């Protein structure tokens, strides 16, 4: 009979790929990690990992064990989540992977209410536009621009949202007026660094302006917003952010409008945990309540 703790070491190494990272996560030294993996391999009489220049990767036997080990992990979490009374159900940590702009400039406003409703749930936000792996447990839920096409996930449409072209009053006072699309050739733009964009859906400027004069680029949408607000140039921004600031003016709304969708994703094996359902329902409710803001519909 193998030790469940060895399965914990196995799961961590399958997700992190390096002994040192597993050791840091589990607060042991790397020799302990190596020893626990070797013990598990001996007990199962199977080689579970291959050591490569990219780190440790699963063998076929390791892949087969991974499916069962994740089920064991899920069952363990379910026991803790569902046995012990109603109050215990809504406790614990939930990590949410979100696009930077949506997390920092939309969801952050709702956090005091969440904390009031669920004081025993600790939320962790991974604010990053790049892909967050749910299978590797980098997060418990994720919000993405596209619906995932693989993995054992439950995905649902969270909301549509709109982006438009904006500039600050300070910028517009110092530059030629903008009355038509043709006028844009005389202006500076703030946008993404093309080669660092994690999703092609974010390269929307080129859909409307040929060879735009992009004088300032950043991989951070929050940086772009602050730079545009300061007067660096024109930028296509989320309406739910820009419309909140009276110093930002929406330009050519009938000509430039981008419509996108956020998807909410949860691994199948933890979808029914009470704390996961509580977070998912809260997000759904808040998005529905603030739908007009997301779609750029002014009051």
C-alpha atoms as a PDB file:
ATOM      1  CA  UNK A   1       0.000   0.000   0.000  1.00  0.00           C
ATOM      2  CA  UNK A   2       1.463   3.350  -1.007  1.00  0.00           C
ATOM      3  CA  UNK A   3       1.383   6.494   1.105  1.00  0.00           C
ATOM      4  CA  UNK A   4      -1.101   9.212   0.066  1.00  0.00           C
ATOM      5  CA  UNK A   5       1.602  11.790   0.754  1.00  0.00           C
ATOM      6  CA  UNK A   6       3.648  10.232  -2.052  1.00  0.00           C
ATOM      7  CA  UNK A   7       0.724  10.993  -4.372  1.00  0.00           C
ATOM      8  CA  UNK A   8       0.888  14.631  -3.287  1.00  0.00           C
ATOM      9  CA  UNK A   9       4.547  14.731  -4.301  1.00  0.00           C
ATOM     10  CA  UNK A  10       3.681  13.021  -7.587  1.00  0.00           C
ATOM     11  CA  UNK A  11       0.935  15.550  -8.383  1.00  0.00           C
ATOM     12  CA  UNK A  12       3.147  18.526  -7.588  1.00  0.00           C
ATOM     13  CA  UNK A  13       6.005  17.250  -9.757  1.00  0.00           C
ATOM     14  CA  UNK A  14       3.615  16.524 -12.642  1.00  0.00           C
ATOM     15  CA  UNK A  15       2.447  20.154 -12.470  1.00  0.00           C
ATOM     16  CA  UNK A  16       5.672  21.984 -11.738  1.00  0.00           C
ATOM     17  CA  UNK A  17       8.191  19.780 -13.531  1.00  0.00           C
ATOM     18  CA  UNK A  18      11.155  20.586 -11.279  1.00  0.00           C
ATOM     19  CA  UNK A  19      12.248  19.150  -7.938  1.00  0.00           C
ATOM     20  CA  UNK A  20      13.236  22.544  -6.548  1.00  0.00           C
ATOM     21  CA  UNK A  21       9.820  24.061  -7.281  1.00  0.00           C
ATOM     22  CA  UNK A  22       8.028  21.113  -5.675  1.00  0.00           C
ATOM     23  CA  UNK A  23      10.314  21.348  -2.652  1.00  0.00           C
ATOM     24  CA  UNK A  24       9.512  25.033  -2.276  1.00  0.00           C
ATOM     25  CA  UNK A  25       5.754  24.419  -2.576  1.00  0.00           C
ATOM     26  CA  UNK A  26       5.728  21.566  -0.060  1.00  0.00           C
ATOM     27  CA  UNK A  27       8.329  23.150   2.251  1.00  0.00           C
ATOM     28  CA  UNK A  28      10.841  20.287   2.083  1.00  0.00           C
ATOM     29  CA  UNK A  29      14.243  19.901   0.433  1.00  0.00           C
ATOM     30  CA  UNK A  30      14.606  18.582  -3.110  1.00  0.00           C
ATOM     31  CA  UNK A  31      16.200  15.322  -1.944  1.00  0.00           C
ATOM     32  CA  UNK A  32      12.996  14.530  -0.048  1.00  0.00           C
ATOM     33  CA  UNK A  33      10.980  15.075  -3.217  1.00  0.00           C
ATOM     34  CA  UNK A  34      13.274  12.773  -5.171  1.00  0.00           C
ATOM     35  CA  UNK A  35      13.115  10.118  -2.470  1.00  0.00           C
ATOM     36  CA  UNK A  36       9.299  10.187  -2.277  1.00  0.00           C
ATOM     37  CA  UNK A  37       8.979   9.844  -6.050  1.00  0.00           C
ATOM     38  CA  UNK A  38      11.460   6.946  -6.090  1.00  0.00           C
ATOM     39  CA  UNK A  39       9.522   5.235  -3.296  1.00  0.00           C
ATOM     40  CA  UNK A  40       6.261   5.562  -5.225  1.00  0.00           C
ATOM     41  CA  UNK A  41       7.857   4.188  -8.398  1.00  0.00           C
ATOM     42  CA  UNK A  42       9.193   1.201  -6.473  1.00  0.00           C
ATOM     43  CA  UNK A  43       5.821   0.509  -4.873  1.00  0.00           C
ATOM     44  CA  UNK A  44       4.038   0.675  -8.231  1.00  0.00           C
ATOM     45  CA  UNK A  45       6.872  -1.062 -10.082  1.00  0.00           C
ATOM     46  CA  UNK A  46       6.665   1.593 -12.796  1.00  0.00           C
ATOM     47  CA  UNK A  47       8.744   4.533 -13.983  1.00  0.00           C
ATOM     48  CA  UNK A  48       6.568   7.630 -13.663  1.00  0.00           C
ATOM     49  CA  UNK A  49       8.853  10.427 -14.885  1.00  0.00           C
ATOM     50  CA  UNK A  50      11.599  11.055 -17.410  1.00  0.00           C
ATOM     51  CA  UNK A  51      14.200  13.692 -16.591  1.00  0.00           C
ATOM     52  CA  UNK A  52      14.725  16.079 -19.532  1.00  0.00           C
ATOM     53  CA  UNK A  53      16.312  19.469 -20.128  1.00  0.00           C
ATOM     54  CA  UNK A  54      12.809  20.923 -19.726  1.00  0.00           C
ATOM     55  CA  UNK A  55      12.362  19.261 -16.364  1.00  0.00           C
ATOM     56  CA  UNK A  56      10.516  16.114 -15.333  1.00  0.00           C
ATOM     57  CA  UNK A  57       7.860  14.886 -17.771  1.00  0.00           C
ATOM     58  CA  UNK A  58       5.370  12.074 -17.265  1.00  0.00           C
ATOM     59  CA  UNK A  59       5.850   8.670 -18.842  1.00  0.00           C
ATOM     60  CA  UNK A  60       2.847   6.741 -20.159  1.00  0.00           C
ATOM     61  CA  UNK A  61       2.530   5.064 -16.762  1.00  0.00           C
ATOM     62  CA  UNK A  62       2.711   8.484 -15.142  1.00  0.00           C
ATOM     63  CA  UNK A  63      -0.055   9.792 -17.396  1.00  0.00           C
ATOM     64  CA  UNK A  64      -2.284   6.885 -16.366  1.00  0.00           C
ATOM     65  CA  UNK A  65      -1.571   7.503 -12.699  1.00  0.00           C
ATOM     66  CA  UNK A  66      -2.219  11.241 -13.074  1.00  0.00           C
ATOM     67  CA  UNK A  67      -5.879  10.720 -13.946  1.00  0.00           C
ATOM     68  CA  UNK A  68      -6.461   8.546 -10.893  1.00  0.00           C
ATOM     69  CA  UNK A  69      -4.343  10.729  -8.619  1.00  0.00           C
ATOM     70  CA  UNK A  70      -6.361  13.809  -9.556  1.00  0.00           C
ATOM     71  CA  UNK A  71      -9.555  11.904  -8.768  1.00  0.00           C
ATOM     72  CA  UNK A  72      -8.106  11.028  -5.356  1.00  0.00           C
ATOM     73  CA  UNK A  73      -7.190  14.658  -4.809  1.00  0.00           C
ATOM     74  CA  UNK A  74     -10.684  15.765  -5.785  1.00  0.00           C
ATOM     75  CA  UNK A  75     -12.306  13.197  -3.497  1.00  0.00           C
ATOM     76  CA  UNK A  76     -10.130  14.368  -0.619  1.00  0.00           C
ATOM     77  CA  UNK A  77     -11.109  17.989  -1.233  1.00  0.00           C
ATOM     78  CA  UNK A  78     -14.765  16.999  -1.494  1.00  0.00           C
ATOM     79  CA  UNK A  79     -14.653  15.254   1.878  1.00  0.00           C
ATOM     80  CA  UNK A  80     -13.195  18.344   3.517  1.00  0.00           C
ATOM     81  CA  UNK A  81     -15.659  20.559   1.717  1.00  0.00           C
ATOM     82  CA  UNK A  82     -18.858  18.634   2.356  1.00  0.00           C
ATOM     83  CA  UNK A  83     -18.352  16.859   5.674  1.00  0.00           C
ATOM     84  CA  UNK A  84     -18.358  18.974   8.774  1.00  0.00           C
ATOM     85  CA  UNK A  85     -21.397  21.210   8.626  1.00  0.00           C
ATOM     86  CA  UNK A  86     -22.761  23.992   6.486  1.00  0.00           C
ATOM     87  CA  UNK A  87     -20.376  26.662   7.749  1.00  0.00           C
ATOM     88  CA  UNK A  88     -17.332  24.641   6.733  1.00  0.00           C
ATOM     89  CA  UNK A  89     -18.536  24.398   3.153  1.00  0.00           C
ATOM     90  CA  UNK A  90     -17.749  28.038   2.474  1.00  0.00           C
ATOM     91  CA  UNK A  91     -14.184  28.126   3.750  1.00  0.00           C
ATOM     92  CA  UNK A  92     -10.800  27.768   2.101  1.00  0.00           C
ATOM     93  CA  UNK A  93      -8.743  29.294  -0.679  1.00  0.00           C
ATOM     94  CA  UNK A  94      -9.990  29.842  -4.228  1.00  0.00           C
ATOM     95  CA  UNK A  95      -7.498  30.983  -6.846  1.00  0.00           C
ATOM     96  CA  UNK A  96      -8.895  32.772  -9.891  1.00  0.00           C
ATOM     97  CA  UNK A  97      -6.974  33.407 -13.114  1.00  0.00           C
ATOM     98  CA  UNK A  98      -8.280  36.571 -14.791  1.00  0.00           C
ATOM     99  CA  UNK A  99      -7.303  38.946 -17.604  1.00  0.00           C
ATOM    100  CA  UNK A 100      -5.426  41.862 -16.083  1.00  0.00           C
ATOM    101  CA  UNK A 101      -7.868  44.617 -17.007  1.00  0.00           C
ATOM    102  CA  UNK A 102     -10.979  42.710 -15.984  1.00  0.00           C
ATOM    103  CA  UNK A 103      -9.490  41.690 -12.667  1.00  0.00           C
ATOM    104  CA  UNK A 104      -7.823  44.912 -11.590  1.00  0.00           C
ATOM    105  CA  UNK A 105     -10.315  47.414 -12.979  1.00  0.00           C
ATOM    106  CA  UNK A 106     -13.660  45.619 -12.762  1.00  0.00           C
ATOM    107  CA  UNK A 107     -13.749  42.707 -10.324  1.00  0.00           C
ATOM    108  CA  UNK A 108     -11.620  44.497  -7.729  1.00  0.00           C
ATOM    109  CA  UNK A 109     -14.511  46.907  -7.127  1.00  0.00           C
ATOM    110  CA  UNK A 110     -16.735  44.023  -6.012  1.00  0.00           C
ATOM    111  CA  UNK A 111     -14.316  42.490  -3.532  1.00  0.00           C
ATOM    112  CA  UNK A 112     -15.620  44.277  -0.405  1.00  0.00           C
ATOM    113  CA  UNK A 113     -19.054  42.784  -1.085  1.00  0.00           C
ATOM    114  CA  UNK A 114     -17.599  39.314  -1.631  1.00  0.00           C
ATOM    115  CA  UNK A 115     -15.671  39.534   1.627  1.00  0.00           C
ATOM    116  CA  UNK A 116     -18.844  40.548   3.425  1.00  0.00           C
ATOM    117  CA  UNK A 117     -20.833  37.659   1.931  1.00  0.00           C
ATOM    118  CA  UNK A 118     -18.119  35.004   2.274  1.00  0.00           C
ATOM    119  CA  UNK A 119     -15.691  36.059   5.018  1.00  0.00           C
ATOM    120  CA  UNK A 120     -14.191  32.560   5.321  1.00  0.00           C
ATOM    121  CA  UNK A 121     -13.228  32.240   1.649  1.00  0.00           C
ATOM    122  CA  UNK A 122      -9.782  33.554   0.759  1.00  0.00           C
ATOM    123  CA  UNK A 123      -9.569  34.713  -2.854  1.00  0.00           C
ATOM    124  CA  UNK A 124      -6.303  34.756  -4.793  1.00  0.00           C
ATOM    125  CA  UNK A 125      -6.232  36.598  -8.118  1.00  0.00           C
ATOM    126  CA  UNK A 126      -3.716  35.680 -10.802  1.00  0.00           C
ATOM    127  CA  UNK A 127      -4.066  38.797 -12.954  1.00  0.00           C
ATOM    128  CA  UNK A 128      -2.482  37.763 -16.224  1.00  0.00           C
ATOM    129  CA  UNK A 129      -3.664  37.773 -19.826  1.00  0.00           C
ATOM    130  CA  UNK A 130      -1.604  34.693 -20.551  1.00  0.00           C
ATOM    131  CA  UNK A 131      -3.030  31.189 -20.276  1.00  0.00           C
ATOM    132  CA  UNK A 132      -3.390  29.862 -16.733  1.00  0.00           C
ATOM    133  CA  UNK A 133      -3.302  26.068 -16.584  1.00  0.00           C
ATOM    134  CA  UNK A 134      -6.213  24.660 -14.613  1.00  0.00           C
ATOM    135  CA  UNK A 135      -4.985  21.105 -15.144  1.00  0.00           C
ATOM    136  CA  UNK A 136      -1.736  22.004 -13.364  1.00  0.00           C
ATOM    137  CA  UNK A 137      -3.745  23.689 -10.601  1.00  0.00           C
ATOM    138  CA  UNK A 138      -2.257  27.100 -11.293  1.00  0.00           C
ATOM    139  CA  UNK A 139      -5.803  28.286 -10.554  1.00  0.00           C
ATOM    140  CA  UNK A 140      -9.160  26.829  -9.517  1.00  0.00           C
ATOM    141  CA  UNK A 141     -11.166  28.904 -11.979  1.00  0.00           C
ATOM    142  CA  UNK A 142     -10.150  30.971 -14.969  1.00  0.00           C
ATOM    143  CA  UNK A 143     -11.697  33.694 -17.079  1.00  0.00           C
ATOM    144  CA  UNK A 144     -10.522  33.594 -20.690  1.00  0.00           C
ATOM    145  CA  UNK A 145     -11.137  35.343 -24.013  1.00  0.00           C
ATOM    146  CA  UNK A 146     -11.775  32.047 -25.773  1.00  0.00           C
ATOM    147  CA  UNK A 147     -13.633  28.930 -24.740  1.00  0.00           C
ATOM    148  CA  UNK A 148     -11.026  26.198 -24.065  1.00  0.00           C
ATOM    149  CA  UNK A 149     -11.107  23.425 -26.653  1.00  0.00           C
ATOM    150  CA  UNK A 150      -9.400  20.755 -24.567  1.00  0.00           C
ATOM    151  CA  UNK A 151      -9.162  19.518 -21.006  1.00  0.00           C
ATOM    152  CA  UNK A 152     -11.728  18.227 -18.554  1.00  0.00           C
ATOM    153  CA  UNK A 153     -13.321  21.603 -17.964  1.00  0.00           C
ATOM    154  CA  UNK A 154     -16.791  23.004 -17.528  1.00  0.00           C
ATOM    155  CA  UNK A 155     -16.975  26.299 -19.410  1.00  0.00           C
ATOM    156  CA  UNK A 156     -19.759  28.822 -19.656  1.00  0.00           C
ATOM    157  CA  UNK A 157     -20.144  32.220 -21.241  1.00  0.00           C
ATOM    158  CA  UNK A 158     -19.680  34.815 -18.523  1.00  0.00           C
ATOM    159  CA  UNK A 159     -20.404  37.982 -20.489  1.00  0.00           C
ATOM    160  CA  UNK A 160     -19.893  39.927 -23.677  1.00  0.00           C
ATOM    161  CA  UNK A 161     -18.011  43.209 -23.419  1.00  0.00           C
ATOM    162  CA  UNK A 162     -17.156  46.157 -25.632  1.00  0.00           C
ATOM    163  CA  UNK A 163     -14.056  48.226 -26.384  1.00  0.00           C
ATOM    164  CA  UNK A 164     -13.932  51.604 -28.154  1.00  0.00           C
ATOM    165  CA  UNK A 165     -11.408  54.301 -29.050  1.00  0.00           C
ATOM    166  CA  UNK A 166     -10.586  56.879 -26.367  1.00  0.00           C
ATOM    167  CA  UNK A 167      -8.302  59.842 -25.754  1.00  0.00           C
ATOM    168  CA  UNK A 168      -7.871  62.220 -22.845  1.00  0.00           C
ATOM    169  CA  UNK A 169      -9.141  65.790 -22.912  1.00  0.00           C
ATOM    170  CA  UNK A 170      -5.561  66.975 -22.401  1.00  0.00           C
ATOM    171  CA  UNK A 171      -4.384  65.100 -25.503  1.00  0.00           C
ATOM    172  CA  UNK A 172      -7.260  66.325 -27.678  1.00  0.00           C
ATOM    173  CA  UNK A 173      -6.644  69.952 -26.691  1.00  0.00           C
ATOM    174  CA  UNK A 174      -3.087  69.762 -28.067  1.00  0.00           C
ATOM    175  CA  UNK A 175      -3.703  67.825 -31.288  1.00  0.00           C
ATOM    176  CA  UNK A 176      -5.774  68.166 -34.476  1.00  0.00           C
ATOM    177  CA  UNK A 177      -9.515  67.485 -34.164  1.00  0.00           C
ATOM    178  CA  UNK A 178     -10.895  64.052 -34.995  1.00  0.00           C
ATOM    179  CA  UNK A 179     -14.072  64.000 -37.084  1.00  0.00           C
ATOM    180  CA  UNK A 180     -13.520  60.950 -39.287  1.00  0.00           C
ATOM    181  CA  UNK A 181     -11.429  57.810 -39.647  1.00  0.00           C
ATOM    182  CA  UNK A 182      -9.154  59.659 -42.059  1.00  0.00           C
ATOM    183  CA  UNK A 183      -8.139  62.065 -39.289  1.00  0.00           C
ATOM    184  CA  UNK A 184      -6.543  59.246 -37.286  1.00  0.00           C
ATOM    185  CA  UNK A 185      -3.436  59.265 -39.470  1.00  0.00           C
ATOM    186  CA  UNK A 186      -2.366  62.484 -37.735  1.00  0.00           C
ATOM    187  CA  UNK A 187      -2.423  60.999 -34.241  1.00  0.00           C
ATOM    188  CA  UNK A 188      -0.344  58.898 -31.862  1.00  0.00           C
ATOM    189  CA  UNK A 189      -1.576  55.588 -30.482  1.00  0.00           C
ATOM    190  CA  UNK A 190      -0.974  53.567 -27.334  1.00  0.00           C
ATOM    191  CA  UNK A 191      -1.224  49.816 -27.839  1.00  0.00           C
ATOM    192  CA  UNK A 192       0.190  46.342 -27.188  1.00  0.00           C
ATOM    193  CA  UNK A 193       3.610  44.948 -28.101  1.00  0.00           C
ATOM    194  CA  UNK A 194       2.504  42.717 -30.969  1.00  0.00           C
ATOM    195  CA  UNK A 195       4.870  39.809 -30.361  1.00  0.00           C
ATOM    196  CA  UNK A 196       3.985  39.668 -26.655  1.00  0.00           C
ATOM    197  CA  UNK A 197       0.226  39.577 -27.087  1.00  0.00           C
ATOM    198  CA  UNK A 198      -0.994  36.231 -25.661  1.00  0.00           C
ATOM    199  CA  UNK A 199      -4.159  36.134 -27.773  1.00  0.00           C
ATOM    200  CA  UNK A 200      -4.640  37.396 -31.364  1.00  0.00           C
ATOM    201  CA  UNK A 201      -8.058  38.722 -30.304  1.00  0.00           C
ATOM    202  CA  UNK A 202      -6.224  41.526 -28.517  1.00  0.00           C
ATOM    203  CA  UNK A 203      -4.708  42.903 -31.736  1.00  0.00           C
ATOM    204  CA  UNK A 204      -7.791  44.942 -32.543  1.00  0.00           C
ATOM    205  CA  UNK A 205      -6.191  48.275 -33.491  1.00  0.00           C
ATOM    206  CA  UNK A 206      -5.095  46.935 -36.874  1.00  0.00           C
ATOM    207  CA  UNK A 207      -8.693  45.991 -37.667  1.00  0.00           C
ATOM    208  CA  UNK A 208      -9.591  49.675 -37.944  1.00  0.00           C
ATOM    209  CA  UNK A 209      -6.430  51.671 -38.642  1.00  0.00           C
ATOM    210  CA  UNK A 210      -3.885  50.855 -41.349  1.00  0.00           C
ATOM    211  CA  UNK A 211      -0.299  51.440 -40.203  1.00  0.00           C
ATOM    212  CA  UNK A 212      -1.221  53.349 -37.023  1.00  0.00           C
ATOM    213  CA  UNK A 213       1.463  55.563 -35.518  1.00  0.00           C
ATOM    214  CA  UNK A 214       1.931  53.604 -32.294  1.00  0.00           C
ATOM    215  CA  UNK A 215       4.394  55.653 -30.259  1.00  0.00           C
ATOM    216  CA  UNK A 216       3.949  53.833 -26.958  1.00  0.00           C
ATOM    217  CA  UNK A 217       3.547  50.089 -26.420  1.00  0.00           C
ATOM    218  CA  UNK A 218       3.049  47.954 -23.340  1.00  0.00           C
ATOM    219  CA  UNK A 219       2.094  44.380 -22.540  1.00  0.00           C
ATOM    220  CA  UNK A 220      -0.009  45.768 -19.668  1.00  0.00           C
ATOM    221  CA  UNK A 221      -3.520  47.076 -20.343  1.00  0.00           C
ATOM    222  CA  UNK A 222      -3.391  48.943 -17.026  1.00  0.00           C
ATOM    223  CA  UNK A 223      -0.249  50.767 -18.187  1.00  0.00           C
ATOM    224  CA  UNK A 224      -1.953  51.594 -21.488  1.00  0.00           C
ATOM    225  CA  UNK A 225      -4.946  52.999 -19.648  1.00  0.00           C
ATOM    226  CA  UNK A 226      -2.839  55.183 -17.350  1.00  0.00           C
ATOM    227  CA  UNK A 227      -0.717  56.421 -20.259  1.00  0.00           C
ATOM    228  CA  UNK A 228      -3.806  57.286 -22.301  1.00  0.00           C
ATOM    229  CA  UNK A 229      -5.347  59.074 -19.333  1.00  0.00           C
ATOM    230  CA  UNK A 230      -2.111  61.061 -18.967  1.00  0.00           C
ATOM    231  CA  UNK A 231      -2.312  62.185 -22.604  1.00  0.00           C
ATOM    232  CA  UNK A 232       0.101  59.888 -24.467  1.00  0.00           C
ATOM    233  CA  UNK A 233      -2.237  59.175 -27.375  1.00  0.00           C
ATOM    234  CA  UNK A 234      -5.344  57.354 -28.557  1.00  0.00           C
ATOM    235  CA  UNK A 235      -6.103  53.853 -27.358  1.00  0.00           C
ATOM    236  CA  UNK A 236      -8.753  51.182 -27.803  1.00  0.00           C
ATOM    237  CA  UNK A 237      -9.886  50.410 -24.275  1.00  0.00           C
ATOM    238  CA  UNK A 238     -12.545  48.534 -22.346  1.00  0.00           C
ATOM    239  CA  UNK A 239     -15.674  50.638 -21.980  1.00  0.00           C
ATOM    240  CA  UNK A 240     -16.137  49.413 -18.408  1.00  0.00           C
ATOM    241  CA  UNK A 241     -12.911  51.212 -17.524  1.00  0.00           C
ATOM    242  CA  UNK A 242     -12.795  54.259 -19.783  1.00  0.00           C
ATOM    243  CA  UNK A 243     -16.428  55.321 -19.378  1.00  0.00           C
ATOM    244  CA  UNK A 244     -15.854  55.704 -15.635  1.00  0.00           C
ATOM    245  CA  UNK A 245     -13.413  58.575 -16.213  1.00  0.00           C
ATOM    246  CA  UNK A 246     -14.760  61.992 -17.284  1.00  0.00           C
ATOM    247  CA  UNK A 247     -11.327  62.992 -18.609  1.00  0.00           C
ATOM    248  CA  UNK A 248     -11.521  60.301 -21.303  1.00  0.00           C
ATOM    249  CA  UNK A 249     -13.503  60.981 -24.473  1.00  0.00           C
ATOM    250  CA  UNK A 250     -14.922  58.239 -26.690  1.00  0.00           C
ATOM    251  CA  UNK A 251     -14.040  58.845 -30.356  1.00  0.00           C
ATOM    252  CA  UNK A 252     -15.820  57.665 -33.523  1.00  0.00           C
ATOM    253  CA  UNK A 253     -18.033  55.141 -31.685  1.00  0.00           C
ATOM    254  CA  UNK A 254     -20.048  54.369 -34.823  1.00  0.00           C
ATOM    255  CA  UNK A 255     -16.847  53.452 -36.693  1.00  0.00           C
ATOM    256  CA  UNK A 256     -14.698  51.774 -34.048  1.00  0.00           C
ATOM    257  CA  UNK A 257     -16.256  49.160 -31.791  1.00  0.00           C
ATOM    258  CA  UNK A 258     -14.785  45.833 -30.683  1.00  0.00           C
ATOM    259  CA  UNK A 259     -16.996  43.117 -29.196  1.00  0.00           C
ATOM    260  CA  UNK A 260     -15.485  40.221 -27.271  1.00  0.00           C
ATOM    261  CA  UNK A 261     -16.536  37.526 -24.782  1.00  0.00           C
ATOM    262  CA  UNK A 262     -15.279  36.346 -21.401  1.00  0.00           C
ATOM    263  CA  UNK A 263     -15.581  32.626 -20.566  1.00  0.00           C
ATOM    264  CA  UNK A 264     -15.617  31.178 -17.045  1.00  0.00           C
ATOM    265  CA  UNK A 265     -13.870  27.805 -16.746  1.00  0.00           C
ATOM    266  CA  UNK A 266     -13.698  25.262 -13.925  1.00  0.00           C
ATOM    267  CA  UNK A 267     -12.111  21.783 -13.770  1.00  0.00           C
ATOM    268  CA  UNK A 268     -14.788  19.092 -13.744  1.00  0.00           C
ATOM    269  CA  UNK A 269     -13.449  17.477 -10.598  1.00  0.00           C
ATOM    270  CA  UNK A 270     -13.854  20.571  -8.391  1.00  0.00           C
ATOM    271  CA  UNK A 271     -16.821  22.206 -10.102  1.00  0.00           C
ATOM    272  CA  UNK A 272     -19.285  21.100  -7.405  1.00  0.00           C
ATOM    273  CA  UNK A 273     -17.231  22.143  -4.383  1.00  0.00           C
ATOM    274  CA  UNK A 274     -19.223  24.647  -2.350  1.00  0.00           C
ATOM    275  CA  UNK A 275     -16.568  27.362  -2.279  1.00  0.00           C
ATOM    276  CA  UNK A 276     -16.017  27.071  -6.043  1.00  0.00           C
ATOM    277  CA  UNK A 277     -19.745  27.336  -6.694  1.00  0.00           C
ATOM    278  CA  UNK A 278     -19.967  30.349  -4.385  1.00  0.00           C
ATOM    279  CA  UNK A 279     -17.247  32.216  -6.280  1.00  0.00           C
ATOM    280  CA  UNK A 280     -18.686  31.246  -9.662  1.00  0.00           C
ATOM    281  CA  UNK A 281     -22.170  32.397  -8.686  1.00  0.00           C
ATOM    282  CA  UNK A 282     -20.861  35.667  -7.279  1.00  0.00           C
ATOM    283  CA  UNK A 283     -19.011  36.434 -10.512  1.00  0.00           C
ATOM    284  CA  UNK A 284     -22.076  35.586 -12.582  1.00  0.00           C
ATOM    285  CA  UNK A 285     -24.342  37.776 -10.451  1.00  0.00           C
ATOM    286  CA  UNK A 286     -22.030  40.795 -10.440  1.00  0.00           C
ATOM    287  CA  UNK A 287     -21.447  40.638 -14.177  1.00  0.00           C
ATOM    288  CA  UNK A 288     -25.188  40.484 -14.814  1.00  0.00           C
ATOM    289  CA  UNK A 289     -25.808  43.436 -12.508  1.00  0.00           C
ATOM    290  CA  UNK A 290     -23.163  45.544 -14.269  1.00  0.00           C
ATOM    291  CA  UNK A 291     -23.899  44.343 -17.793  1.00  0.00           C
ATOM    292  CA  UNK A 292     -24.496  47.835 -19.213  1.00  0.00           C
ATOM    293  CA  UNK A 293     -21.075  48.975 -18.064  1.00  0.00           C
ATOM    294  CA  UNK A 294     -19.421  45.982 -19.740  1.00  0.00           C
ATOM    295  CA  UNK A 295     -21.250  46.648 -23.003  1.00  0.00           C
ATOM    296  CA  UNK A 296     -20.516  50.372 -22.985  1.00  0.00           C
ATOM    297  CA  UNK A 297     -24.152  51.382 -22.571  1.00  0.00           C
ATOM    298  CA  UNK A 298     -24.125  54.722 -20.784  1.00  0.00           C
ATOM    299  CA  UNK A 299     -26.866  55.527 -18.244  1.00  0.00           C
END
